[in-house]
Amino acid sequence: MIAAVKKIRDKAIVMLLYSAGIRLLECGTIKPVHIDSDRMKVRVEQGKGKADRYALLSHKTLAALRDYVRALKSANYLFEGCGDAHLCARMIGKIVTNATRTAGLSKGVTPHTLRHAFATHLMESATTVS
């Protein structure tokens, strides 16, 4: 699915949703200063329950975000909508839907599906079978 996305912004969004396991609304409100390249984390401010936390970043996602940020001019939010506002949840949902369609997947994928996939893959990678 990620490979099917061509636009750098859209690829960065899908990769961030999947590899960091963040929520839809959290993705829209991330700022460029929230990316901590040295620690391979992204700061999520005022997530669910108004709590701040850090989410993990993979090497590939960090590289995609770096490419995207280099292409940005100055921006308040990492993914901006109209004016200085962040990209709305509906638009992020459409980006994921379009990526699903472009990849030829028959099953519907939502941003929350990507969050669940992140959690499942994280648990599977920590589990060893003897």
Protein backbone atom coordinates (compact mmCIF):
# COMPACT_ATOMS: atom_id res chain seq x y z
CA MET A 1 0.00 0.00 0.00
CA ILE A 2 2.78 2.42 0.91
CA ALA A 3 4.64 1.64 -2.31
CA ALA A 4 1.53 2.56 -4.33
CA VAL A 5 1.47 6.14 -2.98
CA LYS A 6 3.29 8.58 -5.25
CA LYS A 7 2.86 12.02 -3.64
CA ILE A 8 5.59 12.64 -1.06
CA ARG A 9 3.16 14.20 1.45
CA ASP A 10 0.65 11.37 1.15
CA LYS A 11 3.37 8.72 1.46
CA ALA A 12 4.70 10.45 4.59
CA ILE A 13 1.19 10.48 6.10
CA VAL A 14 0.50 6.80 5.42
CA MET A 15 3.95 5.78 6.67
CA LEU A 16 3.59 7.85 9.83
CA LEU A 17 0.13 6.47 10.61
CA TYR A 18 1.33 2.89 10.17
CA SER A 19 4.85 2.92 11.56
CA ALA A 20 4.16 5.14 14.58
CA GLY A 21 0.67 3.83 15.33
CA ILE A 22 -0.66 7.32 15.91
CA ARG A 23 -4.30 8.32 15.73
CA LEU A 24 -5.85 10.19 12.83
CA LEU A 25 -6.24 13.49 14.68
CA GLU A 26 -2.74 13.20 16.13
CA CYS A 27 -1.28 12.90 12.64
CA GLY A 28 -2.87 16.13 11.52
CA THR A 29 -1.55 18.20 14.41
CA ILE A 30 2.11 17.14 14.38
CA LYS A 31 4.57 19.97 13.85
CA PRO A 32 8.00 19.68 12.21
CA VAL A 33 9.64 20.46 15.58
CA HIS A 34 7.96 17.36 17.05
CA ILE A 35 10.19 15.04 15.02
CA ASP A 36 13.13 13.89 17.12
CA SER A 37 15.51 12.35 14.58
CA ASP A 38 18.20 11.50 17.11
CA ARG A 39 15.87 9.45 19.29
CA MET A 40 13.77 8.17 16.33
CA LYS A 41 10.56 9.43 17.90
CA VAL A 42 7.76 11.86 17.20
CA ARG A 43 6.11 13.89 19.94
CA VAL A 44 2.34 13.68 20.06
CA GLU A 45 0.89 16.62 21.96
CA GLN A 46 -2.59 16.56 23.45
CA GLY A 47 -3.49 13.11 22.16
CA LYS A 48 -6.37 11.09 23.53
CA GLY A 49 -7.11 12.15 27.09
CA LYS A 50 -5.12 15.37 26.44
CA ALA A 51 -1.93 13.44 27.19
CA ASP A 52 1.45 14.12 25.59
CA ARG A 53 3.54 11.13 24.54
CA TYR A 54 6.21 9.95 22.15
CA ALA A 55 5.66 7.47 19.33
CA LEU A 56 8.32 5.41 17.61
CA LEU A 57 9.65 6.17 14.14
CA SER A 58 11.14 3.57 11.83
CA HIS A 59 14.24 4.37 9.77
CA LYS A 60 12.19 4.34 6.55
CA THR A 61 9.53 6.65 7.96
CA LEU A 62 12.14 9.04 9.30
CA ALA A 63 13.78 9.14 5.85
CA ALA A 64 10.40 9.80 4.19
CA LEU A 65 9.64 12.58 6.69
CA ARG A 66 13.06 14.13 6.09
CA ASP A 67 12.43 14.15 2.33
CA TYR A 68 9.02 15.67 2.87
CA VAL A 69 10.26 18.34 5.31
CA ARG A 70 13.05 19.31 2.86
CA ALA A 71 10.37 19.91 0.21
CA LEU A 72 8.35 22.08 2.62
CA LYS A 73 8.80 25.75 2.91
CA SER A 74 8.30 27.03 6.43
CA ALA A 75 5.28 25.38 8.00
CA ASN A 76 3.54 25.53 11.36
CA TYR A 77 2.14 22.01 11.02
CA LEU A 78 3.87 19.10 9.33
CA PHE A 79 0.81 18.49 7.16
CA GLU A 80 -0.91 21.79 6.51
CA GLY A 81 -4.36 22.37 5.11
CA CYS A 82 -5.64 25.78 4.09
CA GLY A 83 -3.72 28.72 5.49
CA ASP A 84 -1.90 27.96 8.73
CA ALA A 85 -4.37 25.27 9.80
CA HIS A 86 -3.44 21.60 10.04
CA LEU A 87 -4.67 19.09 7.49
CA CYS A 88 -8.17 18.02 8.49
CA ALA A 89 -9.06 14.48 9.53
CA ARG A 90 -11.34 14.01 6.54
CA MET A 91 -8.50 14.75 4.11
CA ILE A 92 -6.15 12.35 5.89
CA GLY A 93 -8.88 9.69 5.69
CA LYS A 94 -9.23 10.33 1.94
CA ILE A 95 -5.47 9.97 1.49
CA VAL A 96 -5.56 6.54 3.14
CA THR A 97 -8.64 5.53 1.10
CA ASN A 98 -6.95 6.60 -2.13
CA ALA A 99 -3.78 4.71 -1.18
CA THR A 100 -5.88 1.60 -0.56
CA ARG A 101 -7.59 1.96 -3.93
CA THR A 102 -4.32 2.65 -5.77
CA ALA A 103 -2.75 -0.44 -4.21
CA GLY A 104 -5.70 -2.51 -5.46
CA LEU A 105 -6.71 -3.70 -2.00
CA SER A 106 -10.27 -4.99 -1.82
CA LYS A 107 -10.54 -4.66 1.95
CA GLY A 108 -11.23 -1.16 3.24
CA VAL A 109 -8.33 0.39 5.12
CA THR A 110 -8.76 3.39 7.41
CA PRO A 111 -6.22 5.34 9.46
CA HIS A 112 -7.39 3.36 12.48
CA THR A 113 -6.78 0.09 10.61
CA LEU A 114 -3.17 1.22 10.18
CA ARG A 115 -2.99 1.87 13.93
CA HIS A 116 -4.21 -1.66 14.62
CA ALA A 117 -1.75 -3.09 12.09
CA PHE A 118 1.07 -1.25 13.88
CA ALA A 119 0.06 -2.74 17.23
CA THR A 120 -0.35 -6.24 15.77
CA HIS A 121 3.02 -6.16 14.01
CA LEU A 122 4.71 -4.79 17.12
CA MET A 123 3.32 -7.63 19.21
CA GLU A 124 4.24 -10.23 16.59
CA SER A 125 7.82 -8.99 16.33
CA ALA A 126 8.24 -9.26 20.10
CA THR A 127 6.86 -12.80 20.18
CA THR A 128 9.20 -15.72 19.64
CA VAL A 129 7.98 -19.15 18.66
CA SER A 130 9.90 -22.13 19.95
